[in-house]
Protein backbone atom coordinates (compact mmCIF):
# COMPACT_ATOMS: atom_id res chain seq x y z
CA MET A 1 9.31 1.29 -17.24
CA SER A 2 9.27 0.15 -13.84
CA HIS A 3 11.52 -1.95 -11.77
CA PRO A 4 9.20 -3.84 -8.77
CA LEU A 5 11.13 -3.60 -5.48
CA GLY A 6 9.48 -5.22 -2.34
CA VAL A 7 5.77 -4.87 -1.06
CA SER A 8 3.20 -1.89 -0.09
CA ARG A 9 5.41 0.71 -2.26
CA PRO A 10 4.95 1.79 -5.83
CA ASP A 11 7.51 0.31 -8.28
CA LEU A 12 10.21 2.15 -8.87
CA THR A 13 10.52 4.42 -12.23
CA VAL A 14 13.47 3.57 -14.56
CA THR A 15 15.56 5.88 -15.84
CA ASP A 16 19.44 6.68 -16.27
CA LEU A 17 21.82 6.89 -13.81
CA PRO A 18 23.28 10.86 -14.11
CA SER A 19 27.01 11.31 -14.25
CA PRO A 20 29.02 12.63 -10.98
CA GLU A 21 29.99 15.86 -13.65
CA GLU A 22 26.15 16.62 -14.52
CA VAL A 23 25.34 16.48 -10.77
CA PHE A 24 28.24 18.63 -9.61
CA LYS A 25 28.25 20.86 -12.59
CA VAL A 26 31.68 20.68 -13.57
CA SER A 27 33.87 18.98 -16.49
CA ARG A 28 35.53 16.50 -14.66
CA ILE A 29 35.97 14.86 -11.33
CA GLY A 30 39.94 15.37 -10.12
CA PRO A 31 40.97 15.79 -6.50
CA LYS A 32 40.06 19.18 -6.46
CA GLU A 33 36.49 18.52 -7.35
CA LEU A 34 36.14 15.40 -5.43
CA PHE A 35 36.62 17.26 -1.97
CA LYS A 36 35.30 20.54 -3.16
CA TYR A 37 32.14 18.77 -4.50
CA ALA A 38 31.55 15.16 -3.56
CA VAL A 39 33.03 14.86 -0.43
CA GLY A 40 29.90 15.95 1.88
CA PRO A 41 27.51 13.41 3.56
CA SER A 42 30.59 11.38 5.25
CA LEU A 43 31.19 14.81 7.27
CA ILE A 44 27.92 15.16 8.58
CA ALA A 45 27.75 11.76 9.93
CA LEU A 46 31.44 12.46 11.23
CA GLY A 47 29.99 15.69 12.89
CA ILE A 48 27.71 13.20 14.49
CA SER A 49 30.40 10.67 15.28
CA ILE A 50 32.99 12.41 16.65
CA GLY A 51 30.59 13.40 19.66
CA SER A 52 29.08 11.59 22.71
CA GLY A 53 31.19 8.22 21.84
CA GLU A 54 34.29 10.39 21.38
CA TRP A 55 34.38 13.04 23.87
CA LEU A 56 32.41 11.43 26.59
CA LEU A 57 31.75 7.42 26.64
CA GLY A 58 35.07 6.33 25.00
CA PRO A 59 37.16 8.93 27.42
CA LEU A 60 35.19 7.71 30.29
CA SER A 61 36.01 3.76 29.94
CA VAL A 62 39.54 4.71 29.14
CA GLY A 63 40.14 6.80 31.93
CA GLN A 64 38.57 4.15 34.06
CA TYR A 65 39.82 0.89 32.57
CA GLY A 66 42.78 1.79 30.34
CA PHE A 67 43.00 1.01 26.46
CA VAL A 68 43.62 -2.66 26.57
CA GLY A 69 40.01 -4.40 26.00
CA VAL A 70 38.36 -1.00 25.24
CA GLY A 71 40.45 0.12 22.34
CA TRP A 72 39.64 -3.36 20.58
CA VAL A 73 35.87 -2.98 21.00
CA ILE A 74 36.37 0.88 19.44
CA LEU A 75 38.12 -0.49 16.46
CA VAL A 76 35.99 -3.52 15.29
CA SER A 77 32.89 -1.38 15.88
CA ALA A 78 34.11 1.26 13.58
CA LEU A 79 35.06 -1.26 10.84
CA LEU A 80 31.48 -2.78 11.01
CA GLN A 81 29.69 0.54 10.94
CA THR A 82 31.62 1.73 8.04
CA PHE A 83 30.69 -1.24 6.18
CA TYR A 84 27.25 -0.91 7.26
CA ASN A 85 27.20 2.37 6.06
CA VAL A 86 28.22 1.72 2.80
CA GLU A 87 25.25 -0.71 2.52
CA CYS A 88 22.92 1.85 3.59
CA SER A 89 24.32 4.42 1.33
CA ARG A 90 23.99 1.68 -1.30
CA TYR A 91 20.22 1.59 -1.56
CA VAL A 92 20.18 5.47 -1.53
CA LEU A 93 22.32 6.17 -4.26
CA ALA A 94 20.71 3.18 -6.44
CA THR A 95 16.91 4.24 -5.74
CA GLY A 96 16.95 7.97 -4.64
CA GLU A 97 14.76 6.51 -1.73
CA THR A 98 16.15 7.65 1.81
CA PRO A 99 16.35 4.30 4.12
CA VAL A 100 13.51 5.19 6.17
CA VAL A 101 11.27 4.78 3.09
CA GLY A 102 13.24 2.13 1.64
CA TRP A 103 12.25 0.11 5.01
CA GLY A 104 8.53 0.28 3.68
CA ARG A 105 9.14 -2.19 0.71
CA VAL A 106 10.26 -5.09 3.30
CA PRO A 107 7.50 -7.46 4.05
CA PRO A 108 4.75 -7.03 5.55
CA GLY A 109 5.10 -3.48 4.49
CA TRP A 110 5.32 0.23 5.30
CA LYS A 111 2.67 0.17 8.03
CA LEU A 112 5.03 -1.67 10.30
CA TRP A 113 8.42 -0.64 9.24
CA ILE A 114 8.11 3.04 8.68
CA PRO A 115 6.66 4.02 11.86
CA LEU A 116 8.52 1.83 14.13
CA SER A 117 11.32 3.23 12.31
CA VAL A 118 10.73 6.79 13.06
CA LEU A 119 9.77 5.60 16.38
CA ILE A 120 13.21 3.79 17.25
CA VAL A 121 15.30 6.87 16.11
CA ILE A 122 13.12 9.29 18.10
CA PHE A 123 13.28 7.03 21.24
CA ALA A 124 16.91 6.55 20.82
CA PHE A 125 17.97 10.35 20.74
CA ILE A 126 15.12 12.52 22.01
CA ALA A 127 16.91 12.17 25.66
CA GLY A 128 19.07 14.79 24.58
CA GLY A 129 22.61 13.69 26.35
CA TRP A 130 24.43 15.19 23.62
CA ALA A 131 22.53 18.61 24.13
CA ALA A 132 22.81 18.57 27.98
CA SER A 133 26.72 17.83 27.67
CA ALA A 134 27.21 20.62 25.50
CA GLY A 135 25.42 22.49 27.82
CA GLN A 136 27.58 21.93 30.85
CA GLY A 137 30.70 22.68 28.42
CA VAL A 138 29.39 26.22 27.60
CA TYR A 139 28.60 26.87 31.28
CA ALA A 140 32.02 26.06 32.11
CA LEU A 141 33.47 28.26 29.47
CA PHE A 142 31.63 31.28 30.79
CA HIS A 143 32.41 30.61 34.44
CA GLY A 144 35.70 29.07 34.73
CA GLU A 145 34.74 25.79 36.26
CA PRO A 146 32.63 22.74 35.84
CA PRO A 147 28.87 23.47 37.12
CA PRO A 148 27.39 22.29 40.32
CA ALA A 149 25.33 19.02 40.52
CA GLY A 150 21.83 19.74 39.43
CA ALA A 151 22.53 23.29 38.22
CA GLU A 152 19.89 25.03 35.63
CA GLU A 153 22.09 27.23 33.69
CA PRO A 154 23.95 24.45 31.83
CA ARG A 155 20.24 23.09 30.57
CA LEU A 156 19.30 26.65 29.37
CA TRP A 157 22.65 26.71 27.31
CA ALA A 158 21.79 23.19 26.01
CA ILE A 159 18.32 24.70 24.82
CA ALA A 160 20.04 27.78 23.56
CA LEU A 161 22.12 25.37 21.34
CA LEU A 162 18.85 23.60 19.90
CA VAL A 163 17.61 26.79 19.23
CA LEU A 164 20.94 27.86 16.99
CA VAL A 165 20.47 24.64 15.14
CA PHE A 166 16.83 25.83 14.22
CA VAL A 167 18.83 29.23 13.15
CA ILE A 168 21.35 27.24 11.17
CA THR A 169 18.65 25.06 9.10
CA ALA A 170 16.71 27.98 8.48
CA SER A 171 19.03 30.30 7.20
CA ALA A 172 20.14 27.90 4.88
CA ARG A 173 19.35 27.50 0.91
CA ARG A 174 19.98 23.79 1.09
CA ILE A 175 20.12 21.98 4.33
CA SER A 176 22.62 19.33 3.89
CA ARG A 177 25.32 21.65 2.17
CA SER A 178 24.76 23.96 5.13
CA LEU A 179 25.29 20.96 7.17
CA GLU A 180 28.12 19.87 5.10
CA LEU A 181 29.81 23.54 5.32
CA ALA A 182 29.42 23.76 9.06
CA ASN A 183 31.26 20.06 9.42
CA TRP A 184 34.17 21.25 7.08
CA VAL A 185 34.77 24.16 9.79
CA MET A 186 34.11 22.06 13.07
CA VAL A 187 35.21 18.86 12.19
CA GLY A 188 38.67 19.91 10.52
CA SER A 189 39.24 22.38 13.78
CA ILE A 190 38.26 19.30 16.18
CA LEU A 191 40.61 17.09 14.60
CA ILE A 192 43.42 19.67 14.08
CA ALA A 193 43.28 20.98 17.64
CA LEU A 194 42.98 17.61 19.25
CA LEU A 195 46.08 16.71 17.26
CA ALA A 196 48.00 19.65 18.07
CA LEU A 197 46.87 18.96 21.82
CA CYS A 198 47.94 15.53 21.77
CA LEU A 199 51.30 16.30 19.89
CA PHE A 200 51.93 18.65 23.11
CA VAL A 201 50.66 17.00 26.07
CA VAL A 202 50.71 13.23 25.43
CA PRO A 203 54.54 11.28 25.63
CA PHE A 204 55.47 8.72 23.23
CA ALA A 205 54.79 6.18 25.53
CA GLN A 206 51.18 6.73 26.01
CA TRP A 207 50.65 7.28 22.24
CA TRP A 208 52.22 3.81 21.73
CA GLU A 209 50.12 2.57 24.65
CA GLY A 210 47.01 3.83 22.85
CA ILE A 211 47.60 2.53 19.41
CA ARG A 212 48.53 -0.66 21.00
CA GLY A 213 45.07 -1.25 22.59
CA PHE A 214 43.33 -0.06 19.56
CA VAL A 215 44.66 -2.98 17.35
CA THR A 216 45.04 -5.71 20.25
CA PRO A 217 42.40 -8.13 20.27
CA ALA A 218 41.60 -8.30 24.09
CA ALA A 219 38.90 -9.45 26.53
CA PRO A 220 36.98 -6.38 27.83
CA PRO A 221 38.73 -5.05 31.21
CA SER A 222 37.65 -6.55 34.79
CA GLY A 223 34.54 -4.58 36.18
CA ILE A 224 33.33 -2.70 33.16
CA THR A 225 29.72 -2.92 32.95
CA ALA A 226 27.33 -4.00 30.02
CA THR A 227 25.90 -0.79 29.98
CA GLN A 228 29.05 1.05 29.55
CA LEU A 229 30.82 -1.31 26.97
CA GLY A 230 27.40 -1.45 24.98
CA GLY A 231 27.21 2.64 25.02
CA LEU A 232 30.83 2.43 23.93
CA ALA A 233 30.37 0.15 21.11
CA GLY A 234 27.14 1.71 19.93
CA PHE A 235 28.42 5.31 19.85
CA THR A 236 31.96 4.65 18.55
CA ALA A 237 31.92 5.89 14.88
CA LEU A 238 28.28 6.62 14.80
CA ALA A 239 25.28 4.96 16.11
CA SER A 240 25.72 1.32 15.15
CA GLY A 241 22.20 -0.28 13.73
CA LEU A 242 20.71 3.19 13.47
CA ASN A 243 23.26 4.84 11.14
CA TRP A 244 20.90 4.64 8.45
CA TYR A 245 19.46 7.91 9.80
CA VAL A 246 22.05 9.80 8.58
CA MET A 247 22.76 8.35 4.97
CA GLY A 248 19.73 9.64 3.34
CA HIS A 249 21.94 12.80 3.11
CA TYR A 250 23.46 11.04 -0.03
CA ARG A 251 20.04 11.82 -1.68
CA ASP A 252 20.07 15.55 -1.03
CA LYS A 253 23.89 15.65 -2.10
CA GLY A 254 22.49 14.29 -5.68
CA TYR A 255 24.66 11.28 -5.48
CA GLY A 256 23.54 8.61 -8.01
CA MET A 257 19.75 8.42 -8.24
CA GLY A 258 19.42 10.76 -5.56
CA PHE A 259 19.77 13.57 -8.07
CA ARG A 260 16.36 12.54 -9.66
CA ALA A 261 14.49 12.17 -6.32
CA GLY A 262 15.08 15.91 -4.82
CA TYR A 263 16.21 17.55 -1.86
CA ILE A 264 14.75 19.21 1.46
CA SER A 265 15.75 23.50 0.91
CA GLY A 266 16.13 25.88 3.87
CA LEU A 267 13.90 28.60 4.09
CA ARG A 268 16.09 31.04 1.93
CA GLY A 269 16.00 28.32 -1.06
CA GLU A 270 13.73 27.37 -3.82
CA ARG A 271 10.84 25.58 -3.49
CA THR A 272 11.64 21.82 -4.13
CA GLU A 273 9.66 18.65 -4.57
CA ILE A 274 10.92 15.47 -3.23
CA LEU A 275 9.57 12.18 -4.95
CA ALA A 276 7.12 10.13 -2.82
CA SER A 277 8.95 6.92 -4.31
CA GLY A 278 12.09 6.12 -5.61
CA VAL A 279 13.64 5.91 -9.36
CA THR A 280 16.29 3.64 -10.50
CA PHE A 281 18.30 2.88 -13.58
CA PRO A 282 18.12 -0.20 -16.43
CA ASP A 283 21.01 -2.83 -16.42
CA ASP A 284 22.83 -1.43 -19.59
CA GLU A 285 26.55 -0.80 -20.28
CA ARG A 286 26.28 2.87 -20.08
CA ASN A 287 24.58 2.59 -16.54
CA ARG A 288 26.75 -0.27 -15.15
CA SER A 289 30.00 2.14 -15.79
CA MET A 290 28.12 4.90 -14.39
CA TRP A 291 27.15 3.05 -11.13
CA ARG A 292 30.63 1.95 -10.78
CA ARG A 293 31.63 5.82 -10.88
CA TRP A 294 28.98 6.71 -7.90
CA TYR A 295 30.16 3.55 -6.01
CA ARG A 296 33.77 4.99 -6.18
CA LEU A 297 32.91 8.32 -4.75
CA LEU A 298 30.93 6.59 -2.12
CA MET A 299 33.94 4.54 -1.17
CA VAL A 300 36.54 7.34 -1.08
CA ASP A 301 33.52 9.17 1.36
CA MET A 302 33.07 6.62 3.67
CA TRP A 303 36.06 4.82 3.85
CA GLY A 304 38.68 7.84 3.02
CA VAL A 305 36.63 10.71 5.17
CA PHE A 306 34.42 9.03 7.72
CA PHE A 307 36.52 5.91 8.87
CA VAL A 308 40.03 7.70 9.10
CA GLY A 309 37.98 10.64 10.75
CA ALA A 310 36.04 8.31 13.31
CA ILE A 311 39.47 6.63 14.51
CA LEU A 312 41.34 9.55 14.80
CA GLY A 313 38.47 11.07 16.60
CA MET A 314 38.42 8.18 19.08
CA LEU A 315 41.80 8.03 19.58
CA LEU A 316 42.81 11.49 20.19
CA PRO A 317 40.45 12.31 22.77
CA THR A 318 41.14 8.88 24.84
CA LEU A 319 44.47 9.84 24.66
CA LEU A 320 43.72 13.20 26.06
CA MET A 321 41.93 11.63 28.72
CA SER A 322 44.34 8.81 29.76
CA GLN A 323 46.95 11.49 29.94
CA ALA A 324 44.46 13.58 31.96
CA VAL A 325 44.26 10.92 34.54
CA ALA A 326 47.78 10.47 34.73
CA MET A 327 48.37 14.02 35.45
CA SER A 328 45.44 14.44 38.00
CA GLY A 329 45.80 11.27 39.87
CA GLU A 330 42.17 11.01 39.33
CA ARG A 331 39.66 9.10 37.40
CA PRO A 332 36.60 10.68 35.81
CA THR A 333 32.91 10.00 36.74
CA ARG A 334 29.82 10.19 34.89
CA ALA A 335 29.04 13.30 36.59
CA ASN A 336 32.25 15.20 35.44
CA VAL A 337 33.36 13.70 32.31
CA PRO A 338 32.04 16.79 29.90
CA THR A 339 34.78 18.59 31.68
CA PHE A 340 37.27 16.48 33.28
CA VAL A 341 40.18 16.86 30.53
CA ALA A 342 39.83 20.73 30.68
CA SER A 343 39.95 21.02 34.47
CA ALA A 344 42.86 18.56 34.80
CA LEU A 345 45.19 20.48 31.61
CA GLY A 346 43.87 23.87 33.41
CA ASP A 347 45.64 22.64 36.52
CA GLU A 348 48.66 21.51 34.78
CA TYR A 349 49.01 23.94 32.20
CA GLY A 350 47.20 27.08 33.26
CA GLN A 351 43.77 28.70 32.07
CA VAL A 352 44.60 29.17 28.45
CA MET A 353 44.67 25.50 28.17
CA PHE A 354 41.65 24.91 30.35
CA TYR A 355 39.66 27.27 27.93
CA LEU A 356 40.99 25.61 24.84
CA ALA A 357 39.75 22.22 25.82
CA LEU A 358 36.27 23.25 27.07
CA VAL A 359 36.04 25.14 23.69
CA LEU A 360 37.09 22.07 21.74
CA GLY A 361 34.55 19.73 23.88
CA VAL A 362 31.97 22.26 22.85
CA LEU A 363 32.78 22.49 19.53
CA ILE A 364 32.74 18.45 19.44
CA LEU A 365 29.37 18.33 21.46
CA PHE A 366 27.79 20.81 19.17
CA SER A 367 28.59 18.90 16.00
CA THR A 368 26.89 15.68 17.28
CA GLN A 369 23.87 18.04 18.36
CA LEU A 370 23.73 19.88 14.99
CA GLY A 371 23.65 16.50 13.57
CA ILE A 372 21.27 14.31 15.46
CA PHE A 373 18.61 17.23 16.05
CA GLU A 374 18.55 17.82 12.45
CA ALA A 375 18.48 13.97 11.48
CA MET A 376 15.17 13.42 13.78
CA VAL A 377 13.64 15.72 12.12
CA ARG A 378 14.40 14.96 8.64
CA VAL A 379 13.97 11.36 9.01
CA THR A 380 10.27 11.99 10.42
CA THR A 381 9.58 14.44 7.43
CA ASP A 382 10.70 12.04 4.79
CA ALA A 383 8.63 9.27 6.30
CA ALA A 384 5.46 11.38 6.65
CA HIS A 385 6.08 12.97 2.91
CA ALA A 386 6.68 9.62 1.31
CA THR A 387 3.40 7.74 3.04
CA SER A 388 0.76 10.13 3.38
CA PRO A 389 -0.74 11.71 0.19
CA ARG A 390 -2.91 13.56 2.52
CA LEU A 391 0.00 15.30 4.19
CA ARG A 392 1.63 15.88 0.66
CA ALA A 393 -1.74 17.76 -0.56
CA LEU A 394 -1.69 19.84 3.05
CA ILE A 395 1.67 20.96 2.56
CA ALA A 396 1.51 21.41 -1.32
CA GLY A 397 4.15 19.36 -2.01
CA ASP A 398 6.89 21.53 -0.04
CA PRO A 399 8.48 19.33 2.69
CA ARG A 400 9.35 22.69 4.28
CA ARG A 401 6.03 23.15 5.82
CA PHE A 402 6.17 19.99 7.57
CA TYR A 403 9.91 19.92 8.29
CA TYR A 404 10.44 23.47 10.29
CA PRO A 405 7.26 23.40 12.77
CA PHE A 406 8.05 19.54 13.71
CA MET A 407 11.33 20.98 14.49
CA ILE A 408 10.05 23.48 16.77
CA VAL A 409 7.81 20.90 18.47
CA LEU A 410 11.07 18.50 18.99
CA LEU A 411 12.88 21.51 20.54
CA VAL A 412 10.39 21.91 23.16
CA VAL A 413 10.41 18.26 24.12
CA ILE A 414 13.70 17.66 24.32
CA SER A 415 14.38 20.90 26.37
CA ILE A 416 12.10 19.46 28.97
CA ILE A 417 13.63 15.93 29.00
CA ILE A 418 17.17 17.13 29.73
CA HIS A 419 15.60 18.21 32.83
CA PHE A 420 15.67 14.57 34.39
CA SER A 421 19.13 12.77 33.90
CA LEU A 422 22.76 13.20 33.93
CA PRO A 423 23.95 13.83 30.43
CA VAL A 424 26.23 10.73 30.58
CA GLY A 425 23.40 8.44 31.76
CA LEU A 426 21.16 9.86 28.79
CA VAL A 427 24.37 9.30 26.43
CA GLU A 428 24.50 5.78 27.40
CA TRP A 429 20.67 4.94 26.86
CA SER A 430 20.88 6.49 23.54
CA ALA A 431 23.92 4.39 22.48
CA ASN A 432 22.50 0.96 23.74
CA MET A 433 18.96 2.17 21.99
CA SER A 434 21.23 2.60 19.07
CA ASN A 435 22.45 -1.00 19.22
CA LEU A 436 18.68 -2.07 19.51
CA GLY A 437 18.90 -1.33 15.30
CA ALA A 438 21.45 -3.67 14.66
CA LEU A 439 18.97 -6.53 15.42
CA ILE A 440 16.69 -5.23 12.85
CA TYR A 441 17.82 -3.17 10.23
CA PRO A 442 20.94 -5.23 8.82
CA PHE A 443 18.29 -8.14 7.84
CA LEU A 444 16.12 -5.28 6.26
CA LEU A 445 18.83 -4.28 4.30
CA ILE A 446 19.91 -7.88 2.76
CA TYR A 447 16.24 -7.92 1.48
CA LEU A 448 16.46 -4.55 -0.25
CA ASN A 449 19.73 -4.71 -1.66
CA SER A 450 19.59 -8.22 -2.73
CA LYS A 451 16.67 -6.85 -5.29
CA LEU A 452 18.19 -3.85 -6.48
CA PRO A 453 19.46 -3.81 -10.13
CA ARG A 454 22.13 -6.49 -10.79
CA PRO A 455 24.68 -4.03 -11.39
CA ALA A 456 24.14 -2.46 -7.85
CA ARG A 457 23.69 -5.44 -5.66
CA PRO A 458 26.19 -6.56 -3.05
CA ARG A 459 28.53 -9.17 -3.29
CA PRO A 460 28.01 -12.21 -1.15
CA TRP A 461 30.37 -11.32 1.79
CA HIS A 462 28.82 -8.02 2.03
CA TYR A 463 25.96 -10.16 3.76
CA VAL A 464 27.93 -11.59 6.05
CA ILE A 465 29.32 -8.05 7.04
CA LEU A 466 25.87 -7.15 7.90
CA ILE A 467 25.11 -10.57 9.88
CA LEU A 468 28.42 -9.63 11.72
CA ASN A 469 26.97 -6.17 12.50
CA PHE A 470 23.87 -8.04 13.77
CA LEU A 471 25.87 -10.44 16.08
CA PHE A 472 28.55 -7.63 17.42
CA PHE A 473 26.03 -4.84 18.36
CA GLY A 474 23.27 -7.03 18.76
CA PHE A 475 24.89 -8.86 21.84
CA PHE A 476 25.86 -5.71 23.68
CA PHE A 477 21.79 -4.61 23.35
CA VAL A 478 20.79 -7.94 24.43
CA ASN A 479 23.44 -7.84 27.49
CA PHE A 480 22.22 -4.10 28.14
CA ILE A 481 18.65 -5.16 28.60
CA ALA A 482 19.63 -8.22 30.74
CA ASP A 483 21.80 -5.60 33.22
CA PHE A 484 18.82 -3.06 32.83
CA ILE A 485 15.89 -5.63 34.09
CA GLY A 486 18.19 -7.58 36.39
CA ASP A 487 21.75 -9.07 35.86
CA PRO A 488 23.47 -8.88 32.36
CA LEU A 489 24.20 -12.28 30.61
CA VAL A 490 27.93 -11.71 30.81
CA THR A 491 30.19 -9.94 33.11
CA PHE A 492 33.59 -8.76 32.63
């Protein structure tokens, strides 16, 4: 029995959905089991989320222009992206295919959409601004001051952190699980430390100003550029139209039909095969009930963990930045924003606070580095494995034989690229390239999800939300391109 879906790819095999208890090997899913076993992919996404946008672009914009008009863009972006994440993940749960493989089912077929999608992800993130920014933080941690302009040592630290990502994935038994555990530690430490710092240094009036700025509809502040605002919108929460590149972790976690499809294991793990084409479930009472259970787990993971964490991850650093501006009497620049808060807190409260803020900044940027670097490798591996029978034969069905050599190649390329621009400039470029995805992928997702088994199909208003993603982030991308080649369509 099979389920046809789209074009140019094999029909989906049909079999029953597994139960959450079967997947996570527990007798029941209570609150303890929920957080111990089921929550996870959202933490990997959140580890990337609380990074370049939250520590660099958001604080830079608030530091220069204040909360009003900036905070509203942040809130709308986070809401739209969380809805979008749910729809991307819906496809993974229902088919066991990662989004990059699913795009190949959309007319005219995989020969266009899969290579193009890999190219867009690589093009968006290979600039390595997240790595270069983390390198600046490590330099300041060791030298007690921000790096001088053009210094080579921060770039060497950035490369060392890329090597650390390779070590973490290579030493894993199951790569997704290792990323989850690393992000439990990093994201938890980041949010607790940010909250403690803000409670200590930010006055109540500033808290109220920040919260009010987030929930008050307002036009963007005068003077902010199309590139800045587009970068802020694109890298609030995750990566706007390109968020799908992280949602494949639901397959490796075993959510829904992902349990039937396989996962990428680490070098220390057992050799596992991944299905080249996905599977789905029949429309009967047992599977309808099971689908509702999986969907509820997805909603808890996305709205209860990712959305709440993304809002806190943007609010708390921007509060710190606004207080740093108030204390120092200066405004951050693109060159010094990775270490601006640490320098201001150090001047006001001493070296202990300076180093605490630096450690926090490095953790934030490294969690982003870990997720983005691994995801570029993962997306390319999934795409190549699904579309090339010759490659599958060459690697004997073991995706690790492609995954790790490609990671080394990517490491070398990024190590070269980060020598060519300021870190924040690289991050702004990546963020605006993420908005390009919003012009394409909401429509591909509408096509795919409308053809899922009936219990898994979205409600009509979900399609409206996807169109809003297209309009909101697409506007910022078009404005960015117009600004890049001449004058922006809209100035503020």
